[in-house]
PDB file of N, CA and C in Angstrom:
ATOM      1  N   UNK A   1    -158.381 -73.607 -50.286  1.00  0.00           N
ATOM      2  CA  UNK A   1    -158.599 -73.747 -51.919  1.00  0.00           C
ATOM      3  C   UNK A   1    -157.852 -74.843 -52.495  1.00  0.00           C
ATOM      4  N   UNK A   2    -158.818 -75.424 -53.432  1.00  0.00           N
ATOM      5  CA  UNK A   2    -158.266 -76.381 -54.106  1.00  0.00           C
ATOM      6  C   UNK A   2    -159.065 -76.561 -55.243  1.00  0.00           C
ATOM      7  N   UNK A   3    -158.310 -77.019 -56.598  1.00  0.00           N
ATOM      8  CA  UNK A   3    -158.756 -77.019 -58.040  1.00  0.00           C
ATOM      9  C   UNK A   3    -158.915 -78.896 -57.883  1.00  0.00           C
ATOM     10  N   UNK A   4    -160.389 -78.902 -58.200  1.00  0.00           N
ATOM     11  CA  UNK A   4    -161.058 -80.150 -58.579  1.00  0.00           C
ATOM     12  C   UNK A   4    -160.235 -81.243 -59.336  1.00  0.00           C
ATOM     13  N   UNK A   5    -159.475 -81.019 -60.436  1.00  0.00           N
ATOM     14  CA  UNK A   5    -158.587 -81.688 -60.781  1.00  0.00           C
ATOM     15  C   UNK A   5    -157.244 -81.941 -59.851  1.00  0.00           C
ATOM     16  N   UNK A   6    -156.976 -81.373 -58.959  1.00  0.00           N
ATOM     17  CA  UNK A   6    -155.686 -81.706 -58.211  1.00  0.00           C
ATOM     18  C   UNK A   6    -155.521 -82.909 -57.905  1.00  0.00           C
ATOM     19  N   UNK A   7    -154.270 -83.458 -58.337  1.00  0.00           N
ATOM     20  CA  UNK A   7    -154.112 -84.805 -58.007  1.00  0.00           C
ATOM     21  C   UNK A   7    -153.818 -85.218 -56.535  1.00  0.00           C
ATOM     22  N   UNK A   8    -153.334 -83.781 -55.952  1.00  0.00           N
ATOM     23  CA  UNK A   8    -153.219 -83.940 -54.510  1.00  0.00           C
ATOM     24  C   UNK A   8    -154.397 -83.883 -53.593  1.00  0.00           C
ATOM     25  N   UNK A   9    -155.455 -83.521 -54.296  1.00  0.00           N
ATOM     26  CA  UNK A   9    -156.755 -83.243 -53.345  1.00  0.00           C
ATOM     27  C   UNK A   9    -157.369 -84.240 -52.332  1.00  0.00           C
ATOM     28  N   UNK A  10    -157.002 -85.557 -52.680  1.00  0.00           N
ATOM     29  CA  UNK A  10    -157.442 -86.639 -51.777  1.00  0.00           C
ATOM     30  C   UNK A  10    -156.620 -86.145 -50.305  1.00  0.00           C
ATOM     31  N   UNK A  11    -155.541 -85.851 -50.433  1.00  0.00           N
ATOM     32  CA  UNK A  11    -154.585 -85.143 -49.089  1.00  0.00           C
ATOM     33  C   UNK A  11    -155.401 -83.887 -48.459  1.00  0.00           C
ATOM     34  N   UNK A  12    -155.804 -82.925 -49.301  1.00  0.00           N
ATOM     35  CA  UNK A  12    -156.490 -81.469 -48.864  1.00  0.00           C
ATOM     36  C   UNK A  12    -157.617 -82.340 -48.206  1.00  0.00           C
ATOM     37  N   UNK A  13    -158.509 -83.431 -48.577  1.00  0.00           N
ATOM     38  CA  UNK A  13    -159.985 -83.791 -48.164  1.00  0.00           C
ATOM     39  C   UNK A  13    -159.518 -84.246 -46.698  1.00  0.00           C
ATOM     40  N   UNK A  14    -158.285 -85.322 -46.688  1.00  0.00           N
ATOM     41  CA  UNK A  14    -158.198 -85.860 -45.612  1.00  0.00           C
ATOM     42  C   UNK A  14    -157.701 -84.852 -44.440  1.00  0.00           C
ATOM     43  N   UNK A  15    -157.121 -83.752 -44.805  1.00  0.00           N
ATOM     44  CA  UNK A  15    -156.466 -82.478 -44.018  1.00  0.00           C
ATOM     45  C   UNK A  15    -157.733 -81.724 -43.201  1.00  0.00           C
ATOM     46  N   UNK A  16    -158.645 -81.762 -44.107  1.00  0.00           N
ATOM     47  CA  UNK A  16    -159.757 -80.749 -43.528  1.00  0.00           C
ATOM     48  C   UNK A  16    -160.640 -81.904 -42.883  1.00  0.00           C
ATOM     49  N   UNK A  17    -160.476 -83.106 -43.029  1.00  0.00           N
ATOM     50  CA  UNK A  17    -161.777 -83.854 -42.225  1.00  0.00           C
ATOM     51  C   UNK A  17    -160.900 -83.954 -40.766  1.00  0.00           C
ATOM     52  N   UNK A  18    -159.531 -83.972 -40.839  1.00  0.00           N
ATOM     53  CA  UNK A  18    -158.990 -84.009 -39.572  1.00  0.00           C
ATOM     54  C   UNK A  18    -159.268 -82.604 -38.392  1.00  0.00           C
ATOM     55  N   UNK A  19    -159.141 -81.412 -39.326  1.00  0.00           N
ATOM     56  CA  UNK A  19    -159.206 -80.379 -38.970  1.00  0.00           C
ATOM     57  C   UNK A  19    -160.872 -80.411 -38.086  1.00  0.00           C
ATOM     58  N   UNK A  20    -161.581 -80.616 -39.055  1.00  0.00           N
ATOM     59  CA  UNK A  20    -163.069 -80.775 -38.276  1.00  0.00           C
ATOM     60  C   UNK A  20    -163.287 -81.455 -37.117  1.00  0.00           C
ATOM     61  N   UNK A  21    -162.554 -82.657 -37.469  1.00  0.00           N
ATOM     62  CA  UNK A  21    -162.895 -83.754 -36.099  1.00  0.00           C
ATOM     63  C   UNK A  21    -162.142 -83.119 -34.607  1.00  0.00           C
ATOM     64  N   UNK A  22    -161.227 -82.015 -35.110  1.00  0.00           N
ATOM     65  CA  UNK A  22    -160.778 -81.200 -33.828  1.00  0.00           C
ATOM     66  C   UNK A  22    -161.240 -80.239 -33.731  1.00  0.00           C
ATOM     67  N   UNK A  23    -162.658 -79.771 -34.303  1.00  0.00           N
ATOM     68  CA  UNK A  23    -163.472 -78.890 -34.412  1.00  0.00           C
ATOM     69  C   UNK A  23    -162.731 -77.651 -34.449  1.00  0.00           C
ATOM     70  N   UNK A  24    -161.847 -77.313 -35.291  1.00  0.00           N
ATOM     71  CA  UNK A  24    -161.129 -76.209 -35.840  1.00  0.00           C
ATOM     72  C   UNK A  24    -162.453 -75.689 -36.993  1.00  0.00           C
ATOM     73  N   UNK A  25    -162.522 -74.225 -37.099  1.00  0.00           N
ATOM     74  CA  UNK A  25    -162.995 -73.524 -37.950  1.00  0.00           C
ATOM     75  C   UNK A  25    -162.224 -73.544 -39.131  1.00  0.00           C
ATOM     76  N   UNK A  26    -162.874 -74.417 -40.202  1.00  0.00           N
ATOM     77  CA  UNK A  26    -162.294 -74.413 -41.673  1.00  0.00           C
ATOM     78  C   UNK A  26    -163.177 -74.275 -42.599  1.00  0.00           C
ATOM     79  N   UNK A  27    -162.814 -74.028 -44.038  1.00  0.00           N
ATOM     80  CA  UNK A  27    -163.793 -73.572 -44.959  1.00  0.00           C
ATOM     81  C   UNK A  27    -162.713 -74.418 -46.122  1.00  0.00           C
ATOM     82  N   UNK A  28    -163.286 -75.009 -47.208  1.00  0.00           N
ATOM     83  CA  UNK A  28    -162.606 -75.579 -48.148  1.00  0.00           C
ATOM     84  C   UNK A  28    -163.458 -75.040 -49.752  1.00  0.00           C
ATOM     85  N   UNK A  29    -162.713 -74.336 -50.557  1.00  0.00           N
ATOM     86  CA  UNK A  29    -163.093 -73.589 -51.537  1.00  0.00           C
ATOM     87  C   UNK A  29    -162.903 -74.497 -52.558  1.00  0.00           C
ATOM     88  N   UNK A  30    -163.554 -75.008 -53.378  1.00  0.00           N
ATOM     89  CA  UNK A  30    -163.220 -75.998 -54.498  1.00  0.00           C
ATOM     90  C   UNK A  30    -163.437 -75.616 -55.897  1.00  0.00           C
ATOM     91  N   UNK A  31    -162.809 -75.196 -56.448  1.00  0.00           N
ATOM     92  CA  UNK A  31    -162.671 -74.639 -58.071  1.00  0.00           C
ATOM     93  C   UNK A  31    -162.756 -75.827 -58.986  1.00  0.00           C
ATOM     94  N   UNK A  32    -163.907 -75.797 -59.684  1.00  0.00           N
ATOM     95  CA  UNK A  32    -164.186 -76.894 -60.567  1.00  0.00           C
ATOM     96  C   UNK A  32    -163.225 -76.638 -61.670  1.00  0.00           C
ATOM     97  N   UNK A  33    -162.595 -78.289 -62.424  1.00  0.00           N
ATOM     98  CA  UNK A  33    -162.037 -78.095 -63.405  1.00  0.00           C
ATOM     99  C   UNK A  33    -160.564 -77.505 -63.123  1.00  0.00           C
ATOM    100  N   UNK A  34    -159.994 -77.075 -62.193  1.00  0.00           N
ATOM    101  CA  UNK A  34    -158.990 -76.570 -62.160  1.00  0.00           C
ATOM    102  C   UNK A  34    -157.717 -77.799 -61.682  1.00  0.00           C
ATOM    103  N   UNK A  35    -156.428 -77.354 -62.056  1.00  0.00           N
ATOM    104  CA  UNK A  35    -155.340 -78.492 -61.594  1.00  0.00           C
ATOM    105  C   UNK A  35    -154.773 -78.061 -60.580  1.00  0.00           C
ATOM    106  N   UNK A  36    -153.872 -78.758 -60.002  1.00  0.00           N
ATOM    107  CA  UNK A  36    -152.866 -78.053 -58.851  1.00  0.00           C
ATOM    108  C   UNK A  36    -152.280 -76.882 -59.294  1.00  0.00           C
ATOM    109  N   UNK A  37    -152.032 -76.043 -58.110  1.00  0.00           N
ATOM    110  CA  UNK A  37    -151.349 -74.674 -58.309  1.00  0.00           C
ATOM    111  C   UNK A  37    -152.090 -73.979 -59.421  1.00  0.00           C
ATOM    112  N   UNK A  38    -153.426 -73.962 -59.272  1.00  0.00           N
ATOM    113  CA  UNK A  38    -154.119 -73.245 -60.418  1.00  0.00           C
ATOM    114  C   UNK A  38    -153.926 -71.659 -59.812  1.00  0.00           C
ATOM    115  N   UNK A  39    -153.504 -71.256 -58.775  1.00  0.00           N
ATOM    116  CA  UNK A  39    -153.346 -69.734 -58.806  1.00  0.00           C
ATOM    117  C   UNK A  39    -151.999 -69.223 -59.274  1.00  0.00           C
ATOM    118  N   UNK A  40    -151.421 -70.049 -59.727  1.00  0.00           N
ATOM    119  CA  UNK A  40    -150.119 -69.826 -60.928  1.00  0.00           C
ATOM    120  C   UNK A  40    -150.561 -69.279 -61.870  1.00  0.00           C
ATOM    121  N   UNK A  41    -151.699 -69.790 -62.437  1.00  0.00           N
ATOM    122  CA  UNK A  41    -152.153 -69.433 -64.049  1.00  0.00           C
ATOM    123  C   UNK A  41    -152.989 -68.423 -63.928  1.00  0.00           C
ATOM    124  N   UNK A  42    -152.654 -66.822 -64.828  1.00  0.00           N
ATOM    125  CA  UNK A  42    -153.471 -65.950 -64.758  1.00  0.00           C
ATOM    126  C   UNK A  42    -154.538 -65.893 -65.849  1.00  0.00           C
ATOM    127  N   UNK A  43    -154.107 -66.914 -66.728  1.00  0.00           N
ATOM    128  CA  UNK A  43    -155.022 -67.079 -68.056  1.00  0.00           C
ATOM    129  C   UNK A  43    -156.418 -68.140 -67.960  1.00  0.00           C
ATOM    130  N   UNK A  44    -156.573 -68.480 -66.402  1.00  0.00           N
ATOM    131  CA  UNK A  44    -157.822 -69.322 -66.712  1.00  0.00           C
ATOM    132  C   UNK A  44    -159.102 -68.570 -66.367  1.00  0.00           C
ATOM    133  N   UNK A  45    -160.303 -69.238 -66.762  1.00  0.00           N
ATOM    134  CA  UNK A  45    -161.410 -68.756 -66.616  1.00  0.00           C
ATOM    135  C   UNK A  45    -161.785 -68.085 -65.088  1.00  0.00           C
ATOM    136  N   UNK A  46    -162.476 -67.300 -64.855  1.00  0.00           N
ATOM    137  CA  UNK A  46    -162.833 -66.736 -63.579  1.00  0.00           C
ATOM    138  C   UNK A  46    -161.401 -66.689 -62.467  1.00  0.00           C
ATOM    139  N   UNK A  47    -160.448 -66.528 -63.370  1.00  0.00           N
ATOM    140  CA  UNK A  47    -159.303 -65.851 -62.374  1.00  0.00           C
ATOM    141  C   UNK A  47    -159.555 -64.867 -61.523  1.00  0.00           C
ATOM    142  N   UNK A  48    -160.423 -63.779 -62.174  1.00  0.00           N
ATOM    143  CA  UNK A  48    -160.508 -62.650 -61.361  1.00  0.00           C
ATOM    144  C   UNK A  48    -161.640 -63.059 -60.050  1.00  0.00           C
ATOM    145  N   UNK A  49    -162.348 -63.717 -59.961  1.00  0.00           N
ATOM    146  CA  UNK A  49    -163.221 -64.261 -59.033  1.00  0.00           C
ATOM    147  C   UNK A  49    -162.711 -65.124 -57.933  1.00  0.00           C
ATOM    148  N   UNK A  50    -161.537 -66.062 -58.156  1.00  0.00           N
ATOM    149  CA  UNK A  50    -160.411 -66.508 -57.644  1.00  0.00           C
ATOM    150  C   UNK A  50    -159.678 -65.910 -56.428  1.00  0.00           C
ATOM    151  N   UNK A  51    -159.135 -64.770 -57.418  1.00  0.00           N
ATOM    152  CA  UNK A  51    -158.413 -63.764 -56.660  1.00  0.00           C
ATOM    153  C   UNK A  51    -159.255 -63.163 -55.493  1.00  0.00           C
ATOM    154  N   UNK A  52    -160.396 -62.847 -56.054  1.00  0.00           N
ATOM    155  CA  UNK A  52    -161.488 -61.898 -55.258  1.00  0.00           C
ATOM    156  C   UNK A  52    -161.484 -62.862 -54.067  1.00  0.00           C
ATOM    157  N   UNK A  53    -161.863 -64.086 -54.148  1.00  0.00           N
ATOM    158  CA  UNK A  53    -162.218 -65.219 -53.039  1.00  0.00           C
ATOM    159  C   UNK A  53    -160.865 -64.961 -52.090  1.00  0.00           C
ATOM    160  N   UNK A  54    -159.612 -65.170 -52.647  1.00  0.00           N
ATOM    161  CA  UNK A  54    -158.539 -65.082 -52.185  1.00  0.00           C
ATOM    162  C   UNK A  54    -158.358 -63.481 -51.257  1.00  0.00           C
ATOM    163  N   UNK A  55    -158.746 -62.502 -51.486  1.00  0.00           N
ATOM    164  CA  UNK A  55    -158.603 -61.389 -50.877  1.00  0.00           C
ATOM    165  C   UNK A  55    -159.760 -61.509 -49.806  1.00  0.00           C
ATOM    166  N   UNK A  56    -160.882 -62.057 -49.945  1.00  0.00           N
ATOM    167  CA  UNK A  56    -161.842 -62.040 -49.140  1.00  0.00           C
ATOM    168  C   UNK A  56    -161.359 -63.043 -47.930  1.00  0.00           C
ATOM    169  N   UNK A  57    -160.535 -63.992 -48.251  1.00  0.00           N
ATOM    170  CA  UNK A  57    -160.216 -65.068 -46.917  1.00  0.00           C
ATOM    171  C   UNK A  57    -159.186 -64.270 -46.230  1.00  0.00           C
ATOM    172  N   UNK A  58    -158.223 -63.462 -46.766  1.00  0.00           N
ATOM    173  CA  UNK A  58    -157.348 -62.924 -46.136  1.00  0.00           C
ATOM    174  C   UNK A  58    -157.853 -61.694 -45.175  1.00  0.00           C
ATOM    175  N   UNK A  59    -158.722 -60.894 -45.756  1.00  0.00           N
ATOM    176  CA  UNK A  59    -159.382 -59.945 -44.710  1.00  0.00           C
ATOM    177  C   UNK A  59    -160.054 -60.811 -43.978  1.00  0.00           C
ATOM    178  N   UNK A  60    -160.704 -61.659 -43.814  1.00  0.00           N
ATOM    179  CA  UNK A  60    -161.382 -62.639 -42.952  1.00  0.00           C
ATOM    180  C   UNK A  60    -160.399 -63.034 -41.712  1.00  0.00           C
ATOM    181  N   UNK A  61    -159.311 -63.370 -42.321  1.00  0.00           N
ATOM    182  CA  UNK A  61    -158.100 -63.897 -41.374  1.00  0.00           C
ATOM    183  C   UNK A  61    -157.394 -62.570 -40.464  1.00  0.00           C
ATOM    184  N   UNK A  62    -157.441 -61.487 -41.233  1.00  0.00           N
ATOM    185  CA  UNK A  62    -157.118 -60.428 -40.467  1.00  0.00           C
ATOM    186  C   UNK A  62    -157.834 -59.798 -39.417  1.00  0.00           C
ATOM    187  N   UNK A  63    -159.510 -59.844 -39.938  1.00  0.00           N
ATOM    188  CA  UNK A  63    -160.189 -59.183 -38.768  1.00  0.00           C
ATOM    189  C   UNK A  63    -160.222 -60.344 -37.814  1.00  0.00           C
ATOM    190  N   UNK A  64    -160.176 -61.879 -37.861  1.00  0.00           N
ATOM    191  CA  UNK A  64    -160.156 -62.594 -36.642  1.00  0.00           C
ATOM    192  C   UNK A  64    -159.240 -62.368 -35.773  1.00  0.00           C
ATOM    193  N   UNK A  65    -158.102 -62.332 -36.414  1.00  0.00           N
ATOM    194  CA  UNK A  65    -156.694 -62.197 -35.611  1.00  0.00           C
ATOM    195  C   UNK A  65    -156.774 -60.679 -34.889  1.00  0.00           C
ATOM    196  N   UNK A  66    -157.489 -59.504 -35.517  1.00  0.00           N
ATOM    197  CA  UNK A  66    -158.144 -58.545 -34.726  1.00  0.00           C
ATOM    198  C   UNK A  66    -158.374 -58.654 -33.292  1.00  0.00           C
ATOM    199  N   UNK A  67    -159.579 -59.442 -33.806  1.00  0.00           N
ATOM    200  CA  UNK A  67    -160.476 -59.539 -32.332  1.00  0.00           C
ATOM    201  C   UNK A  67    -159.785 -60.577 -31.536  1.00  0.00           C
ATOM    202  N   UNK A  68    -158.965 -61.279 -31.596  1.00  0.00           N
ATOM    203  CA  UNK A  68    -157.831 -62.036 -30.615  1.00  0.00           C
ATOM    204  C   UNK A  68    -157.094 -61.266 -30.025  1.00  0.00           C
ATOM    205  N   UNK A  69    -156.698 -60.119 -30.349  1.00  0.00           N
ATOM    206  CA  UNK A  69    -155.817 -58.872 -29.706  1.00  0.00           C
ATOM    207  C   UNK A  69    -156.041 -58.490 -28.343  1.00  0.00           C
TER     208      UNK A  69
END
């Protein structure tokens, strides 16, 4: 998850590219017009959607972990 206006965004994209080259299963969610640490702000437009996306990602990770057991 990254905000489009994050000054550290280039680092996130480079890290994503490295993971893809290593053939890792990765996803990048980019939220338009949002800054770094946008999850700290509960007054931004679309906050409920972002939290919903976060919950869905966590559930997906738990489901994957259960498959590996």
